[in-house]
PDB file of N, CA and C in Angstrom:
ATOM      1  N   UNK A   1      27.860  -3.270  -6.296  1.00  0.00           N
ATOM      2  CA  UNK A   1      26.940  -2.161  -6.318  1.00  0.00           C
ATOM      3  C   UNK A   1      27.059  -1.417  -4.998  1.00  0.00           C
ATOM      4  N   UNK A   2      27.206  -0.089  -5.013  1.00  0.00           N
ATOM      5  CA  UNK A   2      27.353   0.648  -3.766  1.00  0.00           C
ATOM      6  C   UNK A   2      26.042   0.636  -2.986  1.00  0.00           C
ATOM      7  N   UNK A   3      26.156   0.565  -1.664  1.00  0.00           N
ATOM      8  CA  UNK A   3      24.947   0.583  -0.855  1.00  0.00           C
ATOM      9  C   UNK A   3      24.464   2.012  -0.684  1.00  0.00           C
ATOM     10  N   UNK A   4      23.158   2.137  -0.577  1.00  0.00           N
ATOM     11  CA  UNK A   4      22.557   3.452  -0.379  1.00  0.00           C
ATOM     12  C   UNK A   4      22.268   3.633   1.100  1.00  0.00           C
ATOM     13  N   UNK A   5      22.508   4.816   1.598  1.00  0.00           N
ATOM     14  CA  UNK A   5      22.186   5.123   2.975  1.00  0.00           C
ATOM     15  C   UNK A   5      20.711   5.509   3.021  1.00  0.00           C
ATOM     16  N   UNK A   6      19.956   4.834   3.872  1.00  0.00           N
ATOM     17  CA  UNK A   6      18.534   5.148   3.994  1.00  0.00           C
ATOM     18  C   UNK A   6      18.372   6.531   4.599  1.00  0.00           C
ATOM     19  N   UNK A   7      17.478   7.294   4.030  1.00  0.00           N
ATOM     20  CA  UNK A   7      17.193   8.629   4.530  1.00  0.00           C
ATOM     21  C   UNK A   7      15.963   8.558   5.408  1.00  0.00           C
ATOM     22  N   UNK A   8      16.000   9.275   6.505  1.00  0.00           N
ATOM     23  CA  UNK A   8      14.806   9.362   7.338  1.00  0.00           C
ATOM     24  C   UNK A   8      14.115  10.686   7.045  1.00  0.00           C
ATOM     25  N   UNK A   9      12.827  10.744   7.312  1.00  0.00           N
ATOM     26  CA  UNK A   9      12.021  11.922   7.012  1.00  0.00           C
ATOM     27  C   UNK A   9      11.352  12.420   8.269  1.00  0.00           C
ATOM     28  N   UNK A  10      11.288  13.727   8.423  1.00  0.00           N
ATOM     29  CA  UNK A  10      10.564  14.303   9.553  1.00  0.00           C
ATOM     30  C   UNK A  10       9.077  14.344   9.211  1.00  0.00           C
ATOM     31  N   UNK A  11       8.254  14.476  10.210  1.00  0.00           N
ATOM     32  CA  UNK A  11       6.813  14.567   9.994  1.00  0.00           C
ATOM     33  C   UNK A  11       6.476  15.772   9.123  1.00  0.00           C
ATOM     34  N   UNK A  12       7.162  16.888   9.319  1.00  0.00           N
ATOM     35  CA  UNK A  12       6.870  18.079   8.515  1.00  0.00           C
ATOM     36  C   UNK A  12       7.270  17.866   7.050  1.00  0.00           C
ATOM     37  N   UNK A  13       8.359  17.134   6.793  1.00  0.00           N
ATOM     38  CA  UNK A  13       8.745  16.833   5.415  1.00  0.00           C
ATOM     39  C   UNK A  13       7.692  15.966   4.727  1.00  0.00           C
ATOM     40  N   UNK A  14       7.197  14.962   5.457  1.00  0.00           N
ATOM     41  CA  UNK A  14       6.166  14.095   4.896  1.00  0.00           C
ATOM     42  C   UNK A  14       4.889  14.895   4.654  1.00  0.00           C
ATOM     43  N   UNK A  15       4.495  15.739   5.614  1.00  0.00           N
ATOM     44  CA  UNK A  15       3.298  16.564   5.454  1.00  0.00           C
ATOM     45  C   UNK A  15       3.409  17.458   4.224  1.00  0.00           C
ATOM     46  N   UNK A  16       4.565  18.089   4.043  1.00  0.00           N
ATOM     47  CA  UNK A  16       4.772  18.970   2.888  1.00  0.00           C
ATOM     48  C   UNK A  16       4.738  18.183   1.581  1.00  0.00           C
ATOM     49  N   UNK A  17       5.340  17.002   1.578  1.00  0.00           N
ATOM     50  CA  UNK A  17       5.343  16.176   0.370  1.00  0.00           C
ATOM     51  C   UNK A  17       3.926  15.729   0.020  1.00  0.00           C
ATOM     52  N   UNK A  18       3.149  15.323   1.015  1.00  0.00           N
ATOM     53  CA  UNK A  18       1.763  14.914   0.775  1.00  0.00           C
ATOM     54  C   UNK A  18       0.955  16.098   0.241  1.00  0.00           C
ATOM     55  N   UNK A  19       1.172  17.285   0.789  1.00  0.00           N
ATOM     56  CA  UNK A  19       0.465  18.472   0.300  1.00  0.00           C
ATOM     57  C   UNK A  19       0.808  18.741  -1.167  1.00  0.00           C
ATOM     58  N   UNK A  20       2.065  18.554  -1.550  1.00  0.00           N
ATOM     59  CA  UNK A  20       2.466  18.777  -2.947  1.00  0.00           C
ATOM     60  C   UNK A  20       1.791  17.785  -3.892  1.00  0.00           C
ATOM     61  N   UNK A  21       1.440  16.618  -3.382  1.00  0.00           N
ATOM     62  CA  UNK A  21       0.760  15.630  -4.221  1.00  0.00           C
ATOM     63  C   UNK A  21      -0.625  16.104  -4.650  1.00  0.00           C
ATOM     64  N   UNK A  22      -1.152  17.115  -3.987  1.00  0.00           N
ATOM     65  CA  UNK A  22      -2.445  17.677  -4.353  1.00  0.00           C
ATOM     66  C   UNK A  22      -2.420  18.428  -5.667  1.00  0.00           C
ATOM     67  N   UNK A  23      -1.240  18.760  -6.172  1.00  0.00           N
ATOM     68  CA  UNK A  23      -1.109  19.443  -7.461  1.00  0.00           C
ATOM     69  C   UNK A  23      -1.476  18.450  -8.554  1.00  0.00           C
ATOM     70  N   UNK A  24      -2.566  18.706  -9.305  1.00  0.00           N
ATOM     71  CA  UNK A  24      -3.017  17.730 -10.308  1.00  0.00           C
ATOM     72  C   UNK A  24      -1.951  17.375 -11.348  1.00  0.00           C
ATOM     73  N   UNK A  25      -1.161  18.333 -11.774  1.00  0.00           N
ATOM     74  CA  UNK A  25      -0.132  18.045 -12.773  1.00  0.00           C
ATOM     75  C   UNK A  25       0.942  17.124 -12.205  1.00  0.00           C
ATOM     76  N   UNK A  26       1.341  17.384 -10.977  1.00  0.00           N
ATOM     77  CA  UNK A  26       2.374  16.564 -10.356  1.00  0.00           C
ATOM     78  C   UNK A  26       1.864  15.146 -10.117  1.00  0.00           C
ATOM     79  N   UNK A  27       0.618  15.030  -9.728  1.00  0.00           N
ATOM     80  CA  UNK A  27       0.047  13.734  -9.431  1.00  0.00           C
ATOM     81  C   UNK A  27      -0.256  12.942 -10.704  1.00  0.00           C
ATOM     82  N   UNK A  28      -0.485  13.618 -11.823  1.00  0.00           N
ATOM     83  CA  UNK A  28      -0.837  12.943 -13.076  1.00  0.00           C
ATOM     84  C   UNK A  28       0.254  11.959 -13.495  1.00  0.00           C
ATOM     85  N   UNK A  29       1.510  12.381 -13.425  1.00  0.00           N
ATOM     86  CA  UNK A  29       2.600  11.487 -13.825  1.00  0.00           C
ATOM     87  C   UNK A  29       2.673  10.278 -12.897  1.00  0.00           C
ATOM     88  N   UNK A  30       2.578  10.516 -11.606  1.00  0.00           N
ATOM     89  CA  UNK A  30       2.613   9.410 -10.641  1.00  0.00           C
ATOM     90  C   UNK A  30       1.460   8.454 -10.906  1.00  0.00           C
ATOM     91  N   UNK A  31       0.298   8.987 -11.228  1.00  0.00           N
ATOM     92  CA  UNK A  31      -0.865   8.160 -11.504  1.00  0.00           C
ATOM     93  C   UNK A  31      -0.638   7.290 -12.743  1.00  0.00           C
ATOM     94  N   UNK A  32      -0.028   7.858 -13.776  1.00  0.00           N
ATOM     95  CA  UNK A  32       0.281   7.092 -14.990  1.00  0.00           C
ATOM     96  C   UNK A  32       1.240   5.945 -14.681  1.00  0.00           C
ATOM     97  N   UNK A  33       2.274   6.243 -13.902  1.00  0.00           N
ATOM     98  CA  UNK A  33       3.266   5.224 -13.572  1.00  0.00           C
ATOM     99  C   UNK A  33       2.639   4.112 -12.735  1.00  0.00           C
ATOM    100  N   UNK A  34       1.846   4.488 -11.759  1.00  0.00           N
ATOM    101  CA  UNK A  34       1.213   3.483 -10.895  1.00  0.00           C
ATOM    102  C   UNK A  34       0.223   2.642 -11.693  1.00  0.00           C
ATOM    103  N   UNK A  35      -0.533   3.281 -12.596  1.00  0.00           N
ATOM    104  CA  UNK A  35      -1.464   2.528 -13.437  1.00  0.00           C
ATOM    105  C   UNK A  35      -0.706   1.508 -14.274  1.00  0.00           C
ATOM    106  N   UNK A  36       0.425   1.910 -14.803  1.00  0.00           N
ATOM    107  CA  UNK A  36       1.259   0.993 -15.585  1.00  0.00           C
ATOM    108  C   UNK A  36       1.737  -0.187 -14.723  1.00  0.00           C
ATOM    109  N   UNK A  37       2.145   0.107 -13.513  1.00  0.00           N
ATOM    110  CA  UNK A  37       2.725  -0.912 -12.638  1.00  0.00           C
ATOM    111  C   UNK A  37       1.683  -1.645 -11.793  1.00  0.00           C
ATOM    112  N   UNK A  38       0.412  -1.238 -11.886  1.00  0.00           N
ATOM    113  CA  UNK A  38      -0.626  -1.771 -10.989  1.00  0.00           C
ATOM    114  C   UNK A  38      -0.688  -3.293 -10.932  1.00  0.00           C
ATOM    115  N   UNK A  39      -0.669  -4.001 -12.051  1.00  0.00           N
ATOM    116  CA  UNK A  39      -0.763  -5.459 -11.931  1.00  0.00           C
ATOM    117  C   UNK A  39       0.392  -6.064 -11.124  1.00  0.00           C
ATOM    118  N   UNK A  40       1.596  -5.605 -11.372  1.00  0.00           N
ATOM    119  CA  UNK A  40       2.749  -6.119 -10.624  1.00  0.00           C
ATOM    120  C   UNK A  40       2.700  -5.670  -9.170  1.00  0.00           C
ATOM    121  N   UNK A  41       2.331  -4.410  -8.947  1.00  0.00           N
ATOM    122  CA  UNK A  41       2.252  -3.893  -7.582  1.00  0.00           C
ATOM    123  C   UNK A  41       1.175  -4.613  -6.776  1.00  0.00           C
ATOM    124  N   UNK A  42       0.079  -4.993  -7.414  1.00  0.00           N
ATOM    125  CA  UNK A  42      -0.980  -5.719  -6.713  1.00  0.00           C
ATOM    126  C   UNK A  42      -0.445  -7.044  -6.182  1.00  0.00           C
ATOM    127  N   UNK A  43       0.377  -7.702  -6.975  1.00  0.00           N
ATOM    128  CA  UNK A  43       0.979  -8.959  -6.519  1.00  0.00           C
ATOM    129  C   UNK A  43       1.907  -8.748  -5.336  1.00  0.00           C
ATOM    130  N   UNK A  44       2.694  -7.669  -5.387  1.00  0.00           N
ATOM    131  CA  UNK A  44       3.603  -7.360  -4.277  1.00  0.00           C
ATOM    132  C   UNK A  44       2.789  -7.041  -3.029  1.00  0.00           C
ATOM    133  N   UNK A  45       1.737  -6.245  -3.184  1.00  0.00           N
ATOM    134  CA  UNK A  45       0.883  -5.885  -2.054  1.00  0.00           C
ATOM    135  C   UNK A  45       0.217  -7.125  -1.461  1.00  0.00           C
ATOM    136  N   UNK A  46      -0.335  -7.983  -2.323  1.00  0.00           N
ATOM    137  CA  UNK A  46      -0.976  -9.212  -1.831  1.00  0.00           C
ATOM    138  C   UNK A  46       0.012 -10.066  -1.048  1.00  0.00           C
ATOM    139  N   UNK A  47       1.213 -10.190  -1.584  1.00  0.00           N
ATOM    140  CA  UNK A  47       2.247 -10.984  -0.916  1.00  0.00           C
ATOM    141  C   UNK A  47       2.613 -10.380   0.436  1.00  0.00           C
ATOM    142  N   UNK A  48       2.792  -9.054   0.469  1.00  0.00           N
ATOM    143  CA  UNK A  48       3.143  -8.383   1.729  1.00  0.00           C
ATOM    144  C   UNK A  48       2.028  -8.536   2.757  1.00  0.00           C
ATOM    145  N   UNK A  49       0.788  -8.421   2.323  1.00  0.00           N
ATOM    146  CA  UNK A  49      -0.342  -8.578   3.242  1.00  0.00           C
ATOM    147  C   UNK A  49      -0.406 -10.011   3.778  1.00  0.00           C
ATOM    148  N   UNK A  50      -0.182 -10.981   2.901  1.00  0.00           N
ATOM    149  CA  UNK A  50      -0.229 -12.385   3.327  1.00  0.00           C
ATOM    150  C   UNK A  50       0.922 -12.697   4.275  1.00  0.00           C
ATOM    151  N   UNK A  51       2.126 -12.279   3.918  1.00  0.00           N
ATOM    152  CA  UNK A  51       3.287 -12.563   4.758  1.00  0.00           C
ATOM    153  C   UNK A  51       3.197 -11.853   6.101  1.00  0.00           C
ATOM    154  N   UNK A  52       2.565 -10.686   6.126  1.00  0.00           N
ATOM    155  CA  UNK A  52       2.419  -9.943   7.368  1.00  0.00           C
ATOM    156  C   UNK A  52       1.288 -10.458   8.241  1.00  0.00           C
ATOM    157  N   UNK A  53       0.519 -11.411   7.727  1.00  0.00           N
ATOM    158  CA  UNK A  53      -0.582 -11.977   8.492  1.00  0.00           C
ATOM    159  C   UNK A  53      -1.758 -11.032   8.645  1.00  0.00           C
ATOM    160  N   UNK A  54      -1.844 -10.040   7.774  1.00  0.00           N
ATOM    161  CA  UNK A  54      -2.894  -9.029   7.912  1.00  0.00           C
ATOM    162  C   UNK A  54      -4.287  -9.608   7.718  1.00  0.00           C
ATOM    163  N   UNK A  55      -4.424 -10.560   6.801  1.00  0.00           N
ATOM    164  CA  UNK A  55      -5.747 -11.096   6.493  1.00  0.00           C
ATOM    165  C   UNK A  55      -5.791 -12.600   6.713  1.00  0.00           C
ATOM    166  N   UNK A  56      -5.352 -13.020   7.870  1.00  0.00           N
ATOM    167  CA  UNK A  56      -5.319 -14.440   8.202  1.00  0.00           C
ATOM    168  C   UNK A  56      -6.585 -14.899   8.911  1.00  0.00           C
ATOM    169  N   UNK A  57      -6.409 -15.819   9.837  1.00  0.00           N
ATOM    170  CA  UNK A  57      -7.526 -16.463  10.529  1.00  0.00           C
ATOM    171  C   UNK A  57      -8.385 -15.478  11.316  1.00  0.00           C
ATOM    172  N   UNK A  58      -7.759 -14.500  11.962  1.00  0.00           N
ATOM    173  CA  UNK A  58      -8.535 -13.522  12.744  1.00  0.00           C
ATOM    174  C   UNK A  58      -9.454 -12.731  11.822  1.00  0.00           C
ATOM    175  N   UNK A  59      -8.921 -12.321  10.678  1.00  0.00           N
ATOM    176  CA  UNK A  59      -9.725 -11.575   9.708  1.00  0.00           C
ATOM    177  C   UNK A  59     -10.893 -12.433   9.206  1.00  0.00           C
ATOM    178  N   UNK A  60     -10.599 -13.686   8.903  1.00  0.00           N
ATOM    179  CA  UNK A  60     -11.650 -14.586   8.429  1.00  0.00           C
ATOM    180  C   UNK A  60     -12.747 -14.758   9.484  1.00  0.00           C
ATOM    181  N   UNK A  61     -12.351 -14.834  10.747  1.00  0.00           N
ATOM    182  CA  UNK A  61     -13.341 -14.961  11.824  1.00  0.00           C
ATOM    183  C   UNK A  61     -14.206 -13.704  11.919  1.00  0.00           C
ATOM    184  N   UNK A  62     -13.592 -12.541  11.771  1.00  0.00           N
ATOM    185  CA  UNK A  62     -14.363 -11.290  11.792  1.00  0.00           C
ATOM    186  C   UNK A  62     -15.337 -11.224  10.614  1.00  0.00           C
ATOM    187  N   UNK A  63     -14.913 -11.700   9.456  1.00  0.00           N
ATOM    188  CA  UNK A  63     -15.816 -11.765   8.301  1.00  0.00           C
ATOM    189  C   UNK A  63     -16.997 -12.693   8.594  1.00  0.00           C
ATOM    190  N   UNK A  64     -16.698 -13.838   9.179  1.00  0.00           N
ATOM    191  CA  UNK A  64     -17.758 -14.793   9.500  1.00  0.00           C
ATOM    192  C   UNK A  64     -18.748 -14.195  10.496  1.00  0.00           C
ATOM    193  N   UNK A  65     -18.201 -13.551  11.533  1.00  0.00           N
ATOM    194  CA  UNK A  65     -19.074 -12.945  12.541  1.00  0.00           C
ATOM    195  C   UNK A  65     -19.963 -11.865  11.927  1.00  0.00           C
ATOM    196  N   UNK A  66     -19.378 -11.035  11.080  1.00  0.00           N
ATOM    197  CA  UNK A  66     -20.161  -9.964  10.451  1.00  0.00           C
ATOM    198  C   UNK A  66     -21.258 -10.547   9.562  1.00  0.00           C
ATOM    199  N   UNK A  67     -20.929 -11.566   8.790  1.00  0.00           N
ATOM    200  CA  UNK A  67     -21.921 -12.136   7.876  1.00  0.00           C
ATOM    201  C   UNK A  67     -23.002 -12.918   8.612  1.00  0.00           C
ATOM    202  N   UNK A  68     -22.679 -13.441   9.795  1.00  0.00           N
ATOM    203  CA  UNK A  68     -23.666 -14.193  10.580  1.00  0.00           C
ATOM    204  C   UNK A  68     -24.571 -13.295  11.421  1.00  0.00           C
ATOM    205  N   UNK A  69     -24.266 -12.036  11.504  1.00  0.00           N
ATOM    206  CA  UNK A  69     -25.060 -11.112  12.342  1.00  0.00           C
ATOM    207  C   UNK A  69     -26.489 -11.042  11.808  1.00  0.00           C
ATOM    208  N   UNK A  70     -27.470 -11.287  12.679  1.00  0.00           N
ATOM    209  CA  UNK A  70     -28.870 -11.314  12.235  1.00  0.00           C
ATOM    210  C   UNK A  70     -29.473  -9.914  12.075  1.00  0.00           C
ATOM    211  N   UNK A  71     -29.046  -8.975  12.886  1.00  0.00           N
ATOM    212  CA  UNK A  71     -29.569  -7.614  12.793  1.00  0.00           C
ATOM    213  C   UNK A  71     -28.901  -6.894  11.615  1.00  0.00           C
ATOM    214  N   UNK A  72     -29.711  -6.435  10.671  1.00  0.00           N
ATOM    215  CA  UNK A  72     -29.183  -5.830   9.443  1.00  0.00           C
ATOM    216  C   UNK A  72     -28.312  -4.604   9.727  1.00  0.00           C
ATOM    217  N   UNK A  73     -28.736  -3.747  10.646  1.00  0.00           N
ATOM    218  CA  UNK A  73     -27.965  -2.537  10.946  1.00  0.00           C
ATOM    219  C   UNK A  73     -26.618  -2.886  11.580  1.00  0.00           C
ATOM    220  N   UNK A  74     -26.624  -3.865  12.480  1.00  0.00           N
ATOM    221  CA  UNK A  74     -25.381  -4.297  13.120  1.00  0.00           C
ATOM    222  C   UNK A  74     -24.469  -4.968  12.106  1.00  0.00           C
ATOM    223  N   UNK A  75     -25.060  -5.795  11.223  1.00  0.00           N
ATOM    224  CA  UNK A  75     -24.277  -6.462  10.180  1.00  0.00           C
ATOM    225  C   UNK A  75     -23.638  -5.429   9.254  1.00  0.00           C
ATOM    226  N   UNK A  76     -24.404  -4.424   8.853  1.00  0.00           N
ATOM    227  CA  UNK A  76     -23.876  -3.370   7.974  1.00  0.00           C
ATOM    228  C   UNK A  76     -22.745  -2.608   8.668  1.00  0.00           C
ATOM    229  N   UNK A  77     -22.915  -2.297   9.944  1.00  0.00           N
ATOM    230  CA  UNK A  77     -21.860  -1.594  10.694  1.00  0.00           C
ATOM    231  C   UNK A  77     -20.594  -2.450  10.778  1.00  0.00           C
ATOM    232  N   UNK A  78     -20.746  -3.750  10.996  1.00  0.00           N
ATOM    233  CA  UNK A  78     -19.585  -4.645  11.082  1.00  0.00           C
ATOM    234  C   UNK A  78     -18.871  -4.744   9.735  1.00  0.00           C
ATOM    235  N   UNK A  79     -19.629  -4.837   8.648  1.00  0.00           N
ATOM    236  CA  UNK A  79     -19.022  -4.903   7.312  1.00  0.00           C
ATOM    237  C   UNK A  79     -18.303  -3.583   6.999  1.00  0.00           C
ATOM    238  N   UNK A  80     -18.937  -2.462   7.339  1.00  0.00           N
ATOM    239  CA  UNK A  80     -18.281  -1.159   7.124  1.00  0.00           C
ATOM    240  C   UNK A  80     -16.966  -1.071   7.899  1.00  0.00           C
ATOM    241  N   UNK A  81     -16.971  -1.530   9.131  1.00  0.00           N
ATOM    242  CA  UNK A  81     -15.754  -1.493   9.954  1.00  0.00           C
ATOM    243  C   UNK A  81     -14.656  -2.352   9.325  1.00  0.00           C
ATOM    244  N   UNK A  82     -15.018  -3.522   8.808  1.00  0.00           N
ATOM    245  CA  UNK A  82     -14.030  -4.387   8.157  1.00  0.00           C
ATOM    246  C   UNK A  82     -13.480  -3.741   6.881  1.00  0.00           C
ATOM    247  N   UNK A  83     -14.357  -3.147   6.080  1.00  0.00           N
ATOM    248  CA  UNK A  83     -13.903  -2.479   4.849  1.00  0.00           C
ATOM    249  C   UNK A  83     -12.985  -1.311   5.196  1.00  0.00           C
ATOM    250  N   UNK A  84     -13.354  -0.533   6.199  1.00  0.00           N
ATOM    251  CA  UNK A  84     -12.501   0.587   6.630  1.00  0.00           C
ATOM    252  C   UNK A  84     -11.129   0.087   7.064  1.00  0.00           C
ATOM    253  N   UNK A  85     -11.108  -0.980   7.845  1.00  0.00           N
ATOM    254  CA  UNK A  85      -9.840  -1.531   8.333  1.00  0.00           C
ATOM    255  C   UNK A  85      -9.009  -2.083   7.178  1.00  0.00           C
ATOM    256  N   UNK A  86      -9.641  -2.793   6.250  1.00  0.00           N
ATOM    257  CA  UNK A  86      -8.921  -3.307   5.084  1.00  0.00           C
ATOM    258  C   UNK A  86      -8.327  -2.160   4.263  1.00  0.00           C
ATOM    259  N   UNK A  87      -9.075  -1.093   4.116  1.00  0.00           N
ATOM    260  CA  UNK A  87      -8.597   0.059   3.356  1.00  0.00           C
ATOM    261  C   UNK A  87      -7.384   0.674   4.037  1.00  0.00           C
ATOM    262  N   UNK A  88      -7.476   0.877   5.354  1.00  0.00           N
ATOM    263  CA  UNK A  88      -6.345   1.457   6.093  1.00  0.00           C
ATOM    264  C   UNK A  88      -5.102   0.568   5.995  1.00  0.00           C
ATOM    265  N   UNK A  89      -5.276  -0.720   6.195  1.00  0.00           N
ATOM    266  CA  UNK A  89      -4.136  -1.633   6.140  1.00  0.00           C
ATOM    267  C   UNK A  89      -3.547  -1.654   4.729  1.00  0.00           C
ATOM    268  N   UNK A  90      -4.425  -1.720   3.724  1.00  0.00           N
ATOM    269  CA  UNK A  90      -3.951  -1.708   2.340  1.00  0.00           C
ATOM    270  C   UNK A  90      -3.178  -0.449   2.011  1.00  0.00           C
ATOM    271  N   UNK A  91      -3.661   0.685   2.513  1.00  0.00           N
ATOM    272  CA  UNK A  91      -2.947   1.949   2.276  1.00  0.00           C
ATOM    273  C   UNK A  91      -1.600   1.958   2.978  1.00  0.00           C
ATOM    274  N   UNK A  92      -1.567   1.528   4.224  1.00  0.00           N
ATOM    275  CA  UNK A  92      -0.303   1.525   4.965  1.00  0.00           C
ATOM    276  C   UNK A  92       0.733   0.612   4.316  1.00  0.00           C
ATOM    277  N   UNK A  93       0.313  -0.595   3.970  1.00  0.00           N
ATOM    278  CA  UNK A  93       1.247  -1.518   3.325  1.00  0.00           C
ATOM    279  C   UNK A  93       1.599  -0.996   1.932  1.00  0.00           C
ATOM    280  N   UNK A  94       0.625  -0.426   1.238  1.00  0.00           N
ATOM    281  CA  UNK A  94       0.890   0.142  -0.087  1.00  0.00           C
ATOM    282  C   UNK A  94       1.907   1.278  -0.040  1.00  0.00           C
ATOM    283  N   UNK A  95       1.816   2.115   0.961  1.00  0.00           N
ATOM    284  CA  UNK A  95       2.797   3.197   1.112  1.00  0.00           C
ATOM    285  C   UNK A  95       4.169   2.616   1.391  1.00  0.00           C
ATOM    286  N   UNK A  96       4.234   1.587   2.229  1.00  0.00           N
ATOM    287  CA  UNK A  96       5.529   0.945   2.504  1.00  0.00           C
ATOM    288  C   UNK A  96       6.122   0.368   1.221  1.00  0.00           C
ATOM    289  N   UNK A  97       5.286  -0.269   0.411  1.00  0.00           N
ATOM    290  CA  UNK A  97       5.743  -0.787  -0.877  1.00  0.00           C
ATOM    291  C   UNK A  97       6.208   0.366  -1.755  1.00  0.00           C
ATOM    292  N   UNK A  98       5.474   1.473  -1.732  1.00  0.00           N
ATOM    293  CA  UNK A  98       5.867   2.650  -2.516  1.00  0.00           C
ATOM    294  C   UNK A  98       7.210   3.215  -2.093  1.00  0.00           C
ATOM    295  N   UNK A  99       7.460   3.260  -0.797  1.00  0.00           N
ATOM    296  CA  UNK A  99       8.761   3.726  -0.316  1.00  0.00           C
ATOM    297  C   UNK A  99       9.877   2.831  -0.838  1.00  0.00           C
ATOM    298  N   UNK A 100       9.656   1.528  -0.764  1.00  0.00           N
ATOM    299  CA  UNK A 100      10.678   0.603  -1.241  1.00  0.00           C
ATOM    300  C   UNK A 100      10.861   0.709  -2.755  1.00  0.00           C
ATOM    301  N   UNK A 101       9.772   0.927  -3.480  1.00  0.00           N
ATOM    302  CA  UNK A 101       9.882   1.124  -4.924  1.00  0.00           C
ATOM    303  C   UNK A 101      10.688   2.386  -5.217  1.00  0.00           C
ATOM    304  N   UNK A 102      10.430   3.450  -4.464  1.00  0.00           N
ATOM    305  CA  UNK A 102      11.199   4.687  -4.640  1.00  0.00           C
ATOM    306  C   UNK A 102      12.680   4.445  -4.354  1.00  0.00           C
ATOM    307  N   UNK A 103      12.986   3.667  -3.319  1.00  0.00           N
ATOM    308  CA  UNK A 103      14.384   3.340  -3.021  1.00  0.00           C
ATOM    309  C   UNK A 103      15.021   2.569  -4.172  1.00  0.00           C
ATOM    310  N   UNK A 104      14.272   1.625  -4.736  1.00  0.00           N
ATOM    311  CA  UNK A 104      14.788   0.863  -5.873  1.00  0.00           C
ATOM    312  C   UNK A 104      15.065   1.784  -7.059  1.00  0.00           C
ATOM    313  N   UNK A 105      14.136   2.693  -7.320  1.00  0.00           N
ATOM    314  CA  UNK A 105      14.286   3.597  -8.459  1.00  0.00           C
ATOM    315  C   UNK A 105      15.377   4.631  -8.231  1.00  0.00           C
ATOM    316  N   UNK A 106      15.695   4.942  -6.971  1.00  0.00           N
ATOM    317  CA  UNK A 106      16.705   5.943  -6.660  1.00  0.00           C
ATOM    318  C   UNK A 106      18.116   5.418  -6.883  1.00  0.00           C
ATOM    319  N   UNK A 107      18.248   4.110  -6.928  1.00  0.00           N
ATOM    320  CA  UNK A 107      19.572   3.514  -7.140  1.00  0.00           C
ATOM    321  C   UNK A 107      19.999   3.654  -8.586  1.00  0.00           C
ATOM    322  N   UNK A 108      21.214   3.186  -8.883  1.00  0.00           N
ATOM    323  CA  UNK A 108      21.685   3.246 -10.263  1.00  0.00           C
ATOM    324  C   UNK A 108      20.824   2.348 -11.152  1.00  0.00           C
ATOM    325  N   UNK A 109      20.708   2.707 -12.429  1.00  0.00           N
ATOM    326  CA  UNK A 109      19.918   1.861 -13.318  1.00  0.00           C
ATOM    327  C   UNK A 109      20.531   0.468 -13.415  1.00  0.00           C
ATOM    328  N   UNK A 110      19.684  -0.550 -13.575  1.00  0.00           N
ATOM    329  CA  UNK A 110      20.219  -1.911 -13.666  1.00  0.00           C
ATOM    330  C   UNK A 110      21.002  -2.106 -14.956  1.00  0.00           C
ATOM    331  N   UNK A 111      21.967  -2.989 -14.890  1.00  0.00           N
ATOM    332  CA  UNK A 111      22.698  -3.344 -16.103  1.00  0.00           C
ATOM    333  C   UNK A 111      21.809  -4.264 -16.930  1.00  0.00           C
ATOM    334  N   UNK A 112      22.070  -4.413 -18.219  1.00  0.00           N
ATOM    335  CA  UNK A 112      21.212  -5.282 -19.048  1.00  0.00           C
ATOM    336  C   UNK A 112      21.074  -6.696 -18.478  1.00  0.00           C
ATOM    337  N   UNK A 113      22.114  -7.229 -17.869  1.00  0.00           N
ATOM    338  CA  UNK A 113      22.014  -8.592 -17.317  1.00  0.00           C
ATOM    339  C   UNK A 113      21.098  -8.628 -16.093  1.00  0.00           C
ATOM    340  N   UNK A 114      20.955  -7.513 -15.353  1.00  0.00           N
ATOM    341  CA  UNK A 114      20.078  -7.460 -14.186  1.00  0.00           C
ATOM    342  C   UNK A 114      18.620  -7.290 -14.576  1.00  0.00           C
ATOM    343  N   UNK A 115      18.348  -6.732 -15.771  1.00  0.00           N
ATOM    344  CA  UNK A 115      16.972  -6.483 -16.214  1.00  0.00           C
ATOM    345  C   UNK A 115      16.260  -7.758 -16.625  1.00  0.00           C
ATOM    346  N   UNK A 116      16.999  -8.758 -17.020  1.00  0.00           N
ATOM    347  CA  UNK A 116      16.395 -10.002 -17.531  1.00  0.00           C
ATOM    348  C   UNK A 116      15.716 -10.808 -16.470  1.00  0.00           C
TER     349      UNK A 116
END
């Protein structure tokens, strides 16, 4: 199988591509495909997060500290901060998975023996 040369993207190319995703018609197809692949992609994302150590012992300690906080306002702020951080990390790793999925799809179609 021929190797593919990885393409790099400029910040302006990425900005323009993200802006194009705002087109509801263009995004509808991507949304359908992702919905179809969501169960498998969730497993890939979970694996990448675990292997990257994103939600290991430090994360568990932060969860414990937030839940043990006696002041309700401080506890709520700590939980919000953790949810925000989890969302950002999930998005970043999810985008990386998406890039790799796009690279896989950009290659030649698999032969029947590779699909099994």
